[in-house]
Amino acid sequence: MHEDAAAYGLWSLVFLNSAVFIFFAFSFFKPVTSRDWRSFGAYSAFIIALFTEMYGFPLTIYLLSGWLQTRYPQTDWLSHDAGHLLEALFGWRLNPHFGPFHLLSFVFIGGGFMVIASGWKTLYEAQKKGALATTGIYAWVRHPQYVGFVLVMFGFLLQWPTLLTAAMFPILVVMYWRLALREEQEVLSQYGEAYARYMRTVPGYFPRLTTKPT
């Protein structure tokens, strides 16, 4: 494991990184309804918890310090590099920023933001016309923006796993699922059979890769 100096207590970086990723998501998602703000707020809480441990206070490292120090006595667990727990635990000895989990995290994070942006653009165009959003990414999944947030959070978990964000992740997934159910009931009451037919054709969260959407 590549080692460096202790890298915590950097609260300015906590604020800066949290603000950047929250604003980045806001610029793509553009919350309007109370449901939008709840989903965006949950994502924001996850991001703040993540960067608080990444640069502020390493709660997970402290809670696991006894086990970690026993299993990996040569590692400086208060270094920034050691905070990439998956690389450390799986024995990645080079710079963790080029480790397999860290690189894979960029795929999920970047892909998630692309899904959110694509979903918002399609939804916005449909709403201007007073129509259902059924084209673009909405031809693949019914809830692309919720899928996008989950992809982003999962990517950050791969990059910098913590006990708090690992506990938050399934709770937020369930919250997004419940928000999606409420959203579907509202759209069904508005569009009736047209949306029911769309629901029968397009999956909610996992696209069918064997057939091309119509």
N, C-alpha and C. Protein backbone atom coordinates (compact mmCIF):
# COMPACT_ATOMS: atom_id res chain seq x y z
N MET A 1 0.85 -1.20 0.00
CA MET A 1 0.00 0.00 0.00
C MET A 1 0.87 1.24 0.00
N HIS A 2 0.62 2.16 -0.94
CA HIS A 2 1.33 3.43 -0.97
C HIS A 2 0.90 4.25 0.22
N GLU A 3 1.86 4.80 0.98
CA GLU A 3 1.53 5.52 2.20
C GLU A 3 1.83 7.00 2.06
N ASP A 4 1.08 7.84 2.74
CA ASP A 4 1.34 9.26 2.77
C ASP A 4 0.98 9.79 4.15
N ALA A 5 1.12 11.09 4.34
CA ALA A 5 0.89 11.67 5.65
C ALA A 5 -0.59 11.64 5.99
N ALA A 6 -0.87 11.82 7.30
CA ALA A 6 -2.25 11.87 7.74
C ALA A 6 -2.99 12.96 6.98
N ALA A 7 -4.19 12.67 6.55
CA ALA A 7 -4.89 13.59 5.65
C ALA A 7 -6.34 13.79 6.08
N TYR A 8 -6.57 14.09 7.36
CA TYR A 8 -7.92 14.33 7.85
C TYR A 8 -7.97 15.69 8.57
N GLY A 9 -9.16 16.10 8.92
CA GLY A 9 -9.33 17.42 9.50
C GLY A 9 -9.32 18.52 8.46
N LEU A 10 -9.45 18.15 7.20
CA LEU A 10 -9.44 19.12 6.10
C LEU A 10 -10.89 19.52 5.77
N TRP A 11 -11.47 20.30 6.66
CA TRP A 11 -12.90 20.60 6.54
C TRP A 11 -13.22 21.48 5.34
N SER A 12 -12.25 22.26 4.90
CA SER A 12 -12.49 23.05 3.69
C SER A 12 -12.69 22.14 2.48
N LEU A 13 -11.96 21.01 2.44
CA LEU A 13 -12.15 20.05 1.35
C LEU A 13 -13.48 19.32 1.48
N VAL A 14 -13.91 19.07 2.71
CA VAL A 14 -15.23 18.47 2.93
C VAL A 14 -16.30 19.37 2.32
N PHE A 15 -16.23 20.66 2.65
CA PHE A 15 -17.22 21.62 2.14
C PHE A 15 -17.13 21.75 0.63
N LEU A 16 -15.90 21.91 0.10
CA LEU A 16 -15.72 22.14 -1.33
C LEU A 16 -16.20 20.96 -2.15
N ASN A 17 -15.77 19.75 -1.79
CA ASN A 17 -16.16 18.56 -2.57
C ASN A 17 -17.65 18.29 -2.46
N SER A 18 -18.20 18.45 -1.26
CA SER A 18 -19.65 18.25 -1.09
C SER A 18 -20.42 19.23 -1.96
N ALA A 19 -19.99 20.50 -1.93
CA ALA A 19 -20.68 21.53 -2.70
C ALA A 19 -20.59 21.24 -4.20
N VAL A 20 -19.42 20.81 -4.67
CA VAL A 20 -19.24 20.55 -6.10
C VAL A 20 -20.16 19.43 -6.56
N PHE A 21 -20.17 18.30 -5.84
CA PHE A 21 -20.95 17.15 -6.30
C PHE A 21 -22.46 17.36 -6.08
N ILE A 22 -22.83 18.13 -5.07
CA ILE A 22 -24.25 18.44 -4.87
C ILE A 22 -24.72 19.40 -5.96
N PHE A 23 -23.93 20.42 -6.24
CA PHE A 23 -24.31 21.36 -7.30
C PHE A 23 -24.31 20.68 -8.66
N PHE A 24 -23.34 19.78 -8.88
CA PHE A 24 -23.26 19.05 -10.14
C PHE A 24 -24.54 18.25 -10.37
N ALA A 25 -24.98 17.56 -9.33
CA ALA A 25 -26.23 16.80 -9.44
C ALA A 25 -27.42 17.73 -9.61
N PHE A 26 -27.41 18.84 -8.90
CA PHE A 26 -28.52 19.81 -8.99
C PHE A 26 -28.65 20.34 -10.42
N SER A 27 -27.52 20.60 -11.07
CA SER A 27 -27.56 21.15 -12.42
C SER A 27 -28.14 20.16 -13.41
N PHE A 28 -28.01 18.86 -13.12
CA PHE A 28 -28.58 17.83 -13.98
C PHE A 28 -30.03 17.52 -13.62
N PHE A 29 -30.30 17.44 -12.33
CA PHE A 29 -31.59 16.95 -11.85
C PHE A 29 -32.66 18.03 -11.83
N LYS A 30 -32.26 19.26 -11.41
CA LYS A 30 -33.18 20.39 -11.35
C LYS A 30 -34.48 20.06 -10.61
N PRO A 31 -34.40 19.81 -9.29
CA PRO A 31 -35.61 19.44 -8.53
C PRO A 31 -36.65 20.55 -8.54
N VAL A 32 -37.90 20.16 -8.66
CA VAL A 32 -39.02 21.11 -8.69
C VAL A 32 -40.05 20.73 -7.63
N THR A 33 -40.54 19.50 -7.67
CA THR A 33 -41.59 19.06 -6.76
C THR A 33 -40.99 18.68 -5.40
N SER A 34 -41.86 18.51 -4.41
CA SER A 34 -41.39 18.08 -3.09
C SER A 34 -40.75 16.70 -3.17
N ARG A 35 -41.26 15.85 -4.05
CA ARG A 35 -40.66 14.53 -4.24
C ARG A 35 -39.25 14.66 -4.80
N ASP A 36 -39.07 15.56 -5.76
CA ASP A 36 -37.74 15.82 -6.32
C ASP A 36 -36.78 16.25 -5.22
N TRP A 37 -37.24 17.17 -4.37
CA TRP A 37 -36.36 17.68 -3.32
C TRP A 37 -36.02 16.61 -2.29
N ARG A 38 -36.95 15.69 -2.01
CA ARG A 38 -36.64 14.61 -1.08
C ARG A 38 -35.57 13.69 -1.65
N SER A 39 -35.69 13.33 -2.91
CA SER A 39 -34.69 12.45 -3.51
C SER A 39 -33.35 13.15 -3.60
N PHE A 40 -33.36 14.43 -3.96
CA PHE A 40 -32.12 15.19 -4.04
C PHE A 40 -31.50 15.39 -2.65
N GLY A 41 -32.35 15.64 -1.65
CA GLY A 41 -31.85 15.80 -0.29
C GLY A 41 -31.20 14.54 0.25
N ALA A 42 -31.77 13.38 -0.07
CA ALA A 42 -31.19 12.11 0.37
C ALA A 42 -29.81 11.91 -0.25
N TYR A 43 -29.72 12.20 -1.54
CA TYR A 43 -28.42 12.11 -2.21
C TYR A 43 -27.42 13.07 -1.57
N SER A 44 -27.85 14.30 -1.26
CA SER A 44 -26.96 15.29 -0.67
C SER A 44 -26.45 14.83 0.69
N ALA A 45 -27.32 14.22 1.50
CA ALA A 45 -26.91 13.72 2.81
C ALA A 45 -25.85 12.63 2.66
N PHE A 46 -26.02 11.77 1.67
CA PHE A 46 -25.04 10.71 1.40
C PHE A 46 -23.70 11.33 1.04
N ILE A 47 -23.70 12.33 0.18
CA ILE A 47 -22.47 12.97 -0.27
C ILE A 47 -21.74 13.65 0.88
N ILE A 48 -22.49 14.35 1.73
CA ILE A 48 -21.87 15.03 2.87
C ILE A 48 -21.25 14.01 3.83
N ALA A 49 -21.97 12.92 4.10
CA ALA A 49 -21.42 11.87 4.97
C ALA A 49 -20.16 11.27 4.37
N LEU A 50 -20.16 11.06 3.06
CA LEU A 50 -19.01 10.49 2.38
C LEU A 50 -17.77 11.37 2.53
N PHE A 51 -17.89 12.66 2.17
CA PHE A 51 -16.72 13.53 2.19
C PHE A 51 -16.31 13.92 3.59
N THR A 52 -17.23 13.85 4.55
CA THR A 52 -16.85 14.07 5.94
C THR A 52 -15.85 13.02 6.38
N GLU A 53 -16.08 11.76 6.00
CA GLU A 53 -15.13 10.71 6.35
C GLU A 53 -13.91 10.71 5.45
N MET A 54 -14.05 11.16 4.23
CA MET A 54 -12.92 11.15 3.31
C MET A 54 -11.86 12.18 3.70
N TYR A 55 -12.31 13.35 4.16
CA TYR A 55 -11.36 14.42 4.46
C TYR A 55 -11.48 15.00 5.87
N GLY A 56 -12.60 14.74 6.54
CA GLY A 56 -12.81 15.35 7.85
C GLY A 56 -12.41 14.45 9.00
N PHE A 57 -13.28 13.52 9.34
CA PHE A 57 -13.03 12.62 10.47
C PHE A 57 -13.26 11.18 10.02
N PRO A 58 -12.22 10.32 10.06
CA PRO A 58 -12.34 8.95 9.55
C PRO A 58 -13.00 8.01 10.55
N LEU A 59 -14.31 8.17 10.73
CA LEU A 59 -15.04 7.38 11.73
C LEU A 59 -14.89 5.89 11.49
N THR A 60 -15.02 5.46 10.25
CA THR A 60 -14.93 4.03 9.94
C THR A 60 -13.57 3.47 10.31
N ILE A 61 -12.50 4.22 9.99
CA ILE A 61 -11.14 3.77 10.32
C ILE A 61 -10.99 3.63 11.83
N TYR A 62 -11.52 4.58 12.59
CA TYR A 62 -11.41 4.50 14.05
C TYR A 62 -12.19 3.31 14.60
N LEU A 63 -13.39 3.09 14.10
CA LEU A 63 -14.20 1.99 14.62
C LEU A 63 -13.59 0.63 14.27
N LEU A 64 -12.93 0.54 13.14
CA LEU A 64 -12.34 -0.73 12.71
C LEU A 64 -10.84 -0.79 12.98
N SER A 65 -10.31 0.18 13.69
CA SER A 65 -8.86 0.30 13.84
C SER A 65 -8.21 -0.93 14.47
N GLY A 66 -8.86 -1.50 15.48
CA GLY A 66 -8.28 -2.68 16.12
C GLY A 66 -8.12 -3.83 15.15
N TRP A 67 -9.18 -4.14 14.42
CA TRP A 67 -9.15 -5.24 13.45
C TRP A 67 -8.20 -4.93 12.31
N LEU A 68 -8.23 -3.71 11.80
CA LEU A 68 -7.37 -3.34 10.68
C LEU A 68 -5.90 -3.40 11.06
N GLN A 69 -5.56 -2.88 12.24
CA GLN A 69 -4.16 -2.86 12.65
C GLN A 69 -3.64 -4.26 12.91
N THR A 70 -4.52 -5.14 13.39
CA THR A 70 -4.11 -6.53 13.62
C THR A 70 -3.85 -7.26 12.31
N ARG A 71 -4.73 -7.06 11.33
CA ARG A 71 -4.61 -7.75 10.05
C ARG A 71 -3.56 -7.12 9.14
N TYR A 72 -3.40 -5.80 9.22
CA TYR A 72 -2.48 -5.09 8.32
C TYR A 72 -1.60 -4.15 9.14
N PRO A 73 -0.66 -4.70 9.92
CA PRO A 73 0.13 -3.87 10.85
C PRO A 73 1.09 -2.91 10.16
N GLN A 74 1.41 -3.13 8.89
CA GLN A 74 2.37 -2.27 8.19
C GLN A 74 1.71 -1.06 7.54
N THR A 75 0.40 -0.95 7.61
CA THR A 75 -0.31 0.12 6.94
C THR A 75 -0.57 1.29 7.88
N ASP A 76 -0.32 2.48 7.41
CA ASP A 76 -0.67 3.69 8.16
C ASP A 76 -2.13 4.00 7.89
N TRP A 77 -3.01 3.62 8.79
CA TRP A 77 -4.45 3.72 8.54
C TRP A 77 -4.98 5.13 8.66
N LEU A 78 -4.14 6.08 9.06
CA LEU A 78 -4.57 7.46 9.07
C LEU A 78 -4.06 8.23 7.85
N SER A 79 -3.50 7.51 6.89
CA SER A 79 -3.12 8.15 5.63
C SER A 79 -4.34 8.19 4.70
N HIS A 80 -4.31 9.09 3.76
CA HIS A 80 -5.43 9.19 2.81
C HIS A 80 -5.54 7.94 1.96
N ASP A 81 -4.40 7.42 1.51
CA ASP A 81 -4.42 6.24 0.65
C ASP A 81 -5.11 5.06 1.32
N ALA A 82 -4.90 4.90 2.62
CA ALA A 82 -5.47 3.75 3.33
C ALA A 82 -6.98 3.85 3.43
N GLY A 83 -7.52 5.06 3.24
CA GLY A 83 -8.96 5.21 3.28
C GLY A 83 -9.68 4.54 2.12
N HIS A 84 -8.94 4.22 1.06
CA HIS A 84 -9.51 3.43 -0.03
C HIS A 84 -9.52 1.97 0.44
N LEU A 85 -10.48 1.65 1.28
CA LEU A 85 -10.47 0.39 2.01
C LEU A 85 -10.46 -0.84 1.11
N LEU A 86 -11.21 -0.81 0.03
CA LEU A 86 -11.28 -2.01 -0.81
C LEU A 86 -9.93 -2.32 -1.43
N GLU A 87 -9.22 -1.30 -1.91
CA GLU A 87 -7.88 -1.54 -2.43
C GLU A 87 -6.95 -2.08 -1.33
N ALA A 88 -7.06 -1.49 -0.14
CA ALA A 88 -6.20 -1.91 0.97
C ALA A 88 -6.50 -3.35 1.38
N LEU A 89 -7.78 -3.69 1.52
CA LEU A 89 -8.15 -5.01 2.00
C LEU A 89 -7.84 -6.11 0.98
N PHE A 90 -7.88 -5.76 -0.30
CA PHE A 90 -7.60 -6.75 -1.33
C PHE A 90 -6.14 -6.74 -1.76
N GLY A 91 -5.30 -6.00 -1.05
CA GLY A 91 -3.86 -6.09 -1.26
C GLY A 91 -3.30 -5.29 -2.41
N TRP A 92 -4.01 -4.26 -2.87
CA TRP A 92 -3.47 -3.41 -3.94
C TRP A 92 -2.32 -2.58 -3.37
N ARG A 93 -1.12 -2.76 -3.91
CA ARG A 93 0.08 -2.15 -3.34
C ARG A 93 0.49 -0.86 -4.03
N LEU A 94 -0.09 -0.53 -5.14
CA LEU A 94 0.27 0.69 -5.85
C LEU A 94 -0.66 1.82 -5.44
N ASN A 95 -0.55 2.95 -6.11
CA ASN A 95 -1.40 4.10 -5.81
C ASN A 95 -2.86 3.69 -5.91
N PRO A 96 -3.64 3.82 -4.82
CA PRO A 96 -5.04 3.35 -4.85
C PRO A 96 -5.92 4.12 -5.82
N HIS A 97 -5.49 5.32 -6.22
CA HIS A 97 -6.27 6.09 -7.18
C HIS A 97 -6.28 5.43 -8.56
N PHE A 98 -5.37 4.48 -8.76
CA PHE A 98 -5.35 3.71 -10.01
C PHE A 98 -5.72 2.25 -9.76
N GLY A 99 -6.32 1.99 -8.60
CA GLY A 99 -6.75 0.65 -8.26
C GLY A 99 -8.02 0.26 -8.99
N PRO A 100 -8.35 -1.02 -9.04
CA PRO A 100 -9.51 -1.49 -9.80
C PRO A 100 -10.83 -0.95 -9.29
N PHE A 101 -11.00 -0.89 -7.97
CA PHE A 101 -12.27 -0.40 -7.43
C PHE A 101 -12.43 1.10 -7.67
N HIS A 102 -11.32 1.83 -7.54
CA HIS A 102 -11.37 3.27 -7.76
C HIS A 102 -11.71 3.59 -9.21
N LEU A 103 -11.08 2.89 -10.14
CA LEU A 103 -11.36 3.13 -11.56
C LEU A 103 -12.79 2.72 -11.91
N LEU A 104 -13.23 1.59 -11.35
CA LEU A 104 -14.60 1.15 -11.62
C LEU A 104 -15.61 2.14 -11.07
N SER A 105 -15.25 2.79 -9.96
CA SER A 105 -16.17 3.77 -9.37
C SER A 105 -16.46 4.91 -10.33
N PHE A 106 -15.46 5.30 -11.12
CA PHE A 106 -15.68 6.38 -12.08
C PHE A 106 -16.70 5.99 -13.14
N VAL A 107 -16.72 4.71 -13.49
CA VAL A 107 -17.69 4.23 -14.48
C VAL A 107 -19.11 4.41 -13.94
N PHE A 108 -19.32 4.00 -12.68
CA PHE A 108 -20.65 4.11 -12.08
C PHE A 108 -21.04 5.57 -11.83
N ILE A 109 -20.09 6.37 -11.33
CA ILE A 109 -20.40 7.77 -11.03
C ILE A 109 -20.69 8.54 -12.32
N GLY A 110 -19.79 8.41 -13.30
CA GLY A 110 -20.00 9.09 -14.57
C GLY A 110 -21.25 8.61 -15.27
N GLY A 111 -21.47 7.29 -15.27
CA GLY A 111 -22.66 6.74 -15.89
C GLY A 111 -23.93 7.21 -15.20
N GLY A 112 -23.89 7.30 -13.87
CA GLY A 112 -25.05 7.76 -13.13
C GLY A 112 -25.43 9.19 -13.47
N PHE A 113 -24.42 10.07 -13.54
CA PHE A 113 -24.71 11.46 -13.89
C PHE A 113 -25.22 11.57 -15.32
N MET A 114 -24.72 10.75 -16.21
CA MET A 114 -25.22 10.76 -17.59
C MET A 114 -26.68 10.32 -17.64
N VAL A 115 -27.02 9.31 -16.86
CA VAL A 115 -28.41 8.83 -16.82
C VAL A 115 -29.34 9.92 -16.26
N ILE A 116 -28.90 10.59 -15.18
CA ILE A 116 -29.70 11.66 -14.59
C ILE A 116 -29.92 12.78 -15.60
N ALA A 117 -28.84 13.20 -16.26
CA ALA A 117 -28.94 14.29 -17.23
C ALA A 117 -29.84 13.93 -18.40
N SER A 118 -29.67 12.71 -18.91
CA SER A 118 -30.49 12.27 -20.04
C SER A 118 -31.95 12.17 -19.64
N GLY A 119 -32.22 11.66 -18.46
CA GLY A 119 -33.59 11.53 -17.99
C GLY A 119 -34.26 12.87 -17.81
N TRP A 120 -33.53 13.85 -17.22
CA TRP A 120 -34.13 15.16 -17.01
C TRP A 120 -34.44 15.83 -18.34
N LYS A 121 -33.53 15.74 -19.30
CA LYS A 121 -33.74 16.38 -20.60
C LYS A 121 -34.99 15.83 -21.29
N THR A 122 -35.12 14.50 -21.29
CA THR A 122 -36.28 13.87 -21.93
C THR A 122 -37.56 14.24 -21.20
N LEU A 123 -37.52 14.21 -19.87
CA LEU A 123 -38.71 14.55 -19.08
C LEU A 123 -39.12 16.00 -19.30
N TYR A 124 -38.16 16.89 -19.34
CA TYR A 124 -38.45 18.31 -19.53
C TYR A 124 -39.12 18.57 -20.88
N GLU A 125 -38.60 17.92 -21.92
CA GLU A 125 -39.18 18.09 -23.25
C GLU A 125 -40.62 17.55 -23.29
N ALA A 126 -40.84 16.41 -22.63
CA ALA A 126 -42.18 15.83 -22.60
C ALA A 126 -43.16 16.71 -21.83
N GLN A 127 -42.71 17.26 -20.71
CA GLN A 127 -43.58 18.10 -19.89
C GLN A 127 -43.97 19.38 -20.62
N LYS A 128 -43.07 19.91 -21.44
CA LYS A 128 -43.40 21.11 -22.21
C LYS A 128 -44.55 20.84 -23.18
N LYS A 129 -44.62 19.58 -23.65
CA LYS A 129 -45.66 19.21 -24.60
C LYS A 129 -46.90 18.63 -23.90
N GLY A 130 -46.82 18.49 -22.57
CA GLY A 130 -47.92 17.89 -21.84
C GLY A 130 -48.09 16.41 -22.14
N ALA A 131 -46.99 15.73 -22.45
CA ALA A 131 -47.03 14.32 -22.85
C ALA A 131 -46.24 13.45 -21.89
N LEU A 132 -46.43 12.16 -22.00
CA LEU A 132 -45.63 11.20 -21.24
C LEU A 132 -44.20 11.17 -21.78
N ALA A 133 -43.25 10.99 -20.89
CA ALA A 133 -41.85 10.79 -21.31
C ALA A 133 -41.65 9.31 -21.58
N THR A 134 -41.57 8.95 -22.85
CA THR A 134 -41.43 7.53 -23.23
C THR A 134 -40.31 7.32 -24.24
N THR A 135 -39.59 8.37 -24.59
CA THR A 135 -38.52 8.25 -25.57
C THR A 135 -37.16 8.36 -24.88
N GLY A 136 -36.10 8.26 -25.67
CA GLY A 136 -34.77 8.36 -25.10
C GLY A 136 -34.53 7.30 -24.06
N ILE A 137 -33.97 7.71 -22.94
CA ILE A 137 -33.68 6.74 -21.89
C ILE A 137 -34.95 6.22 -21.24
N TYR A 138 -36.06 6.98 -21.36
CA TYR A 138 -37.33 6.51 -20.83
C TYR A 138 -37.90 5.35 -21.65
N ALA A 139 -37.32 5.09 -22.79
CA ALA A 139 -37.71 3.90 -23.55
C ALA A 139 -37.03 2.65 -23.02
N TRP A 140 -36.05 2.86 -22.13
CA TRP A 140 -35.31 1.72 -21.55
C TRP A 140 -35.76 1.42 -20.12
N VAL A 141 -35.92 2.47 -19.31
CA VAL A 141 -36.37 2.31 -17.92
C VAL A 141 -37.34 3.43 -17.58
N ARG A 142 -38.25 3.17 -16.65
CA ARG A 142 -39.28 4.14 -16.30
C ARG A 142 -38.78 5.20 -15.32
N HIS A 143 -37.72 4.89 -14.57
CA HIS A 143 -37.25 5.80 -13.52
C HIS A 143 -35.76 6.05 -13.65
N PRO A 144 -35.32 6.65 -14.74
CA PRO A 144 -33.87 6.80 -14.96
C PRO A 144 -33.19 7.69 -13.94
N GLN A 145 -33.88 8.71 -13.43
CA GLN A 145 -33.21 9.61 -12.50
C GLN A 145 -32.94 8.94 -11.16
N TYR A 146 -33.87 8.11 -10.69
CA TYR A 146 -33.60 7.35 -9.47
C TYR A 146 -32.48 6.33 -9.71
N VAL A 147 -32.51 5.70 -10.87
CA VAL A 147 -31.43 4.76 -11.22
C VAL A 147 -30.09 5.49 -11.23
N GLY A 148 -30.08 6.70 -11.78
CA GLY A 148 -28.84 7.47 -11.84
C GLY A 148 -28.29 7.79 -10.47
N PHE A 149 -29.14 8.22 -9.54
CA PHE A 149 -28.67 8.51 -8.19
C PHE A 149 -28.10 7.27 -7.51
N VAL A 150 -28.73 6.13 -7.71
CA VAL A 150 -28.24 4.89 -7.11
C VAL A 150 -26.88 4.52 -7.70
N LEU A 151 -26.71 4.68 -9.00
CA LEU A 151 -25.43 4.39 -9.64
C LEU A 151 -24.33 5.29 -9.09
N VAL A 152 -24.62 6.57 -8.93
CA VAL A 152 -23.62 7.50 -8.40
C VAL A 152 -23.22 7.10 -6.98
N MET A 153 -24.19 6.83 -6.13
CA MET A 153 -23.89 6.47 -4.75
C MET A 153 -23.13 5.16 -4.67
N PHE A 154 -23.50 4.18 -5.51
CA PHE A 154 -22.77 2.92 -5.51
C PHE A 154 -21.33 3.13 -5.95
N GLY A 155 -21.13 4.02 -6.93
CA GLY A 155 -19.77 4.32 -7.37
C GLY A 155 -18.94 4.90 -6.25
N PHE A 156 -19.52 5.81 -5.47
CA PHE A 156 -18.78 6.38 -4.36
C PHE A 156 -18.50 5.34 -3.28
N LEU A 157 -19.40 4.39 -3.11
CA LEU A 157 -19.15 3.31 -2.15
C LEU A 157 -17.95 2.47 -2.57
N LEU A 158 -17.82 2.23 -3.86
CA LEU A 158 -16.66 1.48 -4.35
C LEU A 158 -15.37 2.27 -4.12
N GLN A 159 -15.46 3.57 -4.31
CA GLN A 159 -14.28 4.42 -4.21
C GLN A 159 -13.83 4.64 -2.77
N TRP A 160 -14.79 4.87 -1.88
CA TRP A 160 -14.45 5.20 -0.49
C TRP A 160 -15.53 4.64 0.43
N PRO A 161 -15.52 3.34 0.70
CA PRO A 161 -16.57 2.75 1.53
C PRO A 161 -16.44 3.16 2.99
N THR A 162 -17.55 3.50 3.60
CA THR A 162 -17.59 3.79 5.03
C THR A 162 -18.77 3.06 5.64
N LEU A 163 -18.74 2.88 6.95
CA LEU A 163 -19.84 2.20 7.62
C LEU A 163 -21.13 3.00 7.50
N LEU A 164 -21.03 4.34 7.61
CA LEU A 164 -22.22 5.17 7.56
C LEU A 164 -22.85 5.15 6.18
N THR A 165 -22.06 5.37 5.13
CA THR A 165 -22.63 5.39 3.78
C THR A 165 -23.09 3.99 3.36
N ALA A 166 -22.41 2.95 3.83
CA ALA A 166 -22.86 1.59 3.53
C ALA A 166 -24.21 1.32 4.18
N ALA A 167 -24.44 1.88 5.37
CA ALA A 167 -25.73 1.73 6.04
C ALA A 167 -26.80 2.59 5.37
N MET A 168 -26.41 3.77 4.91
CA MET A 168 -27.36 4.68 4.26
C MET A 168 -27.81 4.16 2.91
N PHE A 169 -26.91 3.49 2.19
CA PHE A 169 -27.19 3.12 0.80
C PHE A 169 -28.47 2.29 0.64
N PRO A 170 -28.64 1.16 1.35
CA PRO A 170 -29.88 0.40 1.15
C PRO A 170 -31.12 1.16 1.59
N ILE A 171 -30.98 2.01 2.61
CA ILE A 171 -32.12 2.81 3.06
C ILE A 171 -32.55 3.78 1.96
N LEU A 172 -31.57 4.40 1.32
CA LEU A 172 -31.87 5.35 0.25
C LEU A 172 -32.44 4.64 -0.98
N VAL A 173 -31.95 3.44 -1.26
CA VAL A 173 -32.49 2.67 -2.39
C VAL A 173 -33.97 2.38 -2.15
N VAL A 174 -34.32 1.97 -0.93
CA VAL A 174 -35.72 1.70 -0.60
C VAL A 174 -36.54 2.99 -0.68
N MET A 175 -35.96 4.10 -0.22
CA MET A 175 -36.66 5.37 -0.29
C MET A 175 -36.97 5.74 -1.73
N TYR A 176 -35.98 5.59 -2.62
CA TYR A 176 -36.20 5.91 -4.04
C TYR A 176 -37.25 4.98 -4.65
N TRP A 177 -37.23 3.73 -4.25
CA TRP A 177 -38.22 2.77 -4.75
C TRP A 177 -39.63 3.19 -4.33
N ARG A 178 -39.79 3.61 -3.08
CA ARG A 178 -41.10 4.03 -2.59
C ARG A 178 -41.54 5.33 -3.27
N LEU A 179 -40.60 6.25 -3.49
CA LEU A 179 -40.95 7.47 -4.21
C LEU A 179 -41.40 7.15 -5.63
N ALA A 180 -40.73 6.18 -6.26
CA ALA A 180 -41.11 5.78 -7.62
C ALA A 180 -42.52 5.20 -7.64
N LEU A 181 -42.87 4.40 -6.64
CA LEU A 181 -44.21 3.83 -6.58
C LEU A 181 -45.28 4.92 -6.46
N ARG A 182 -45.03 5.92 -5.60
CA ARG A 182 -45.98 7.01 -5.45
C ARG A 182 -46.09 7.80 -6.76
N GLU A 183 -44.96 8.02 -7.37
CA GLU A 183 -44.95 8.75 -8.64
C GLU A 183 -45.77 8.02 -9.69
N GLU A 184 -45.64 6.70 -9.75
CA GLU A 184 -46.38 5.92 -10.73
C GLU A 184 -47.88 6.00 -10.50
N GLN A 185 -48.30 5.99 -9.24
CA GLN A 185 -49.72 6.09 -8.94
C GLN A 185 -50.29 7.43 -9.39
N GLU A 186 -49.51 8.49 -9.21
CA GLU A 186 -49.96 9.80 -9.64
C GLU A 186 -50.05 9.90 -11.16
N VAL A 187 -49.05 9.35 -11.85
CA VAL A 187 -49.06 9.40 -13.31
C VAL A 187 -50.17 8.52 -13.87
N LEU A 188 -50.41 7.39 -13.21
CA LEU A 188 -51.52 6.53 -13.65
C LEU A 188 -52.85 7.25 -13.55
N SER A 189 -53.04 7.99 -12.46
CA SER A 189 -54.30 8.72 -12.31
C SER A 189 -54.45 9.82 -13.34
N GLN A 190 -53.34 10.30 -13.86
CA GLN A 190 -53.39 11.37 -14.84
C GLN A 190 -53.52 10.85 -16.28
N TYR A 191 -52.76 9.77 -16.59
CA TYR A 191 -52.72 9.30 -17.97
C TYR A 191 -53.44 7.97 -18.19
N GLY A 192 -53.80 7.30 -17.12
CA GLY A 192 -54.61 6.10 -17.24
C GLY A 192 -53.96 4.98 -18.04
N GLU A 193 -54.70 4.45 -19.00
CA GLU A 193 -54.27 3.29 -19.77
C GLU A 193 -52.99 3.54 -20.54
N ALA A 194 -52.75 4.78 -20.96
CA ALA A 194 -51.52 5.07 -21.72
C ALA A 194 -50.29 4.76 -20.88
N TYR A 195 -50.34 5.17 -19.60
CA TYR A 195 -49.19 4.88 -18.74
C TYR A 195 -49.17 3.42 -18.32
N ALA A 196 -50.32 2.83 -18.12
CA ALA A 196 -50.37 1.40 -17.78
C ALA A 196 -49.76 0.57 -18.89
N ARG A 197 -50.02 0.93 -20.13
CA ARG A 197 -49.43 0.23 -21.27
C ARG A 197 -47.91 0.43 -21.30
N TYR A 198 -47.50 1.64 -20.99
CA TYR A 198 -46.06 1.94 -20.92
C TYR A 198 -45.38 1.12 -19.82
N MET A 199 -46.05 0.97 -18.69
CA MET A 199 -45.50 0.18 -17.59
C MET A 199 -45.35 -1.29 -17.99
N ARG A 200 -46.29 -1.79 -18.77
CA ARG A 200 -46.20 -3.19 -19.20
C ARG A 200 -45.07 -3.40 -20.20
N THR A 201 -44.68 -2.36 -20.87
CA THR A 201 -43.69 -2.47 -21.93
C THR A 201 -42.26 -2.19 -21.46
N VAL A 202 -42.12 -1.21 -20.58
CA VAL A 202 -40.80 -0.74 -20.16
C VAL A 202 -40.56 -1.08 -18.69
N PRO A 203 -39.45 -1.75 -18.35
CA PRO A 203 -39.16 -2.08 -16.95
C PRO A 203 -38.87 -0.83 -16.13
N GLY A 204 -38.99 -0.98 -14.81
CA GLY A 204 -38.81 0.17 -13.94
C GLY A 204 -37.38 0.62 -13.79
N TYR A 205 -36.47 -0.35 -13.58
CA TYR A 205 -35.11 0.02 -13.19
C TYR A 205 -34.02 -0.70 -13.96
N PHE A 206 -34.28 -1.89 -14.44
CA PHE A 206 -33.26 -2.68 -15.13
C PHE A 206 -33.68 -2.87 -16.59
N PRO A 207 -32.97 -2.26 -17.52
CA PRO A 207 -33.38 -2.34 -18.93
C PRO A 207 -33.29 -3.78 -19.47
N ARG A 208 -34.17 -4.08 -20.39
CA ARG A 208 -34.08 -5.36 -21.08
C ARG A 208 -33.04 -5.21 -22.18
N LEU A 209 -31.97 -5.95 -22.06
CA LEU A 209 -30.87 -5.81 -23.01
C LEU A 209 -31.01 -6.73 -24.21
N THR A 210 -32.01 -7.63 -24.16
CA THR A 210 -32.16 -8.60 -25.25
C THR A 210 -33.04 -8.08 -26.37
N THR A 211 -33.85 -7.06 -26.07
CA THR A 211 -34.72 -6.51 -27.11
C THR A 211 -34.59 -5.02 -27.15
N LYS A 212 -34.69 -4.45 -28.32
CA LYS A 212 -34.60 -3.02 -28.49
C LYS A 212 -35.94 -2.37 -28.14
N PRO A 213 -35.91 -1.29 -27.32
CA PRO A 213 -37.18 -0.65 -26.96
C PRO A 213 -37.81 0.00 -28.18
N THR A 214 -39.13 0.05 -28.14
CA THR A 214 -39.87 0.64 -29.26
C THR A 214 -40.17 2.10 -28.98
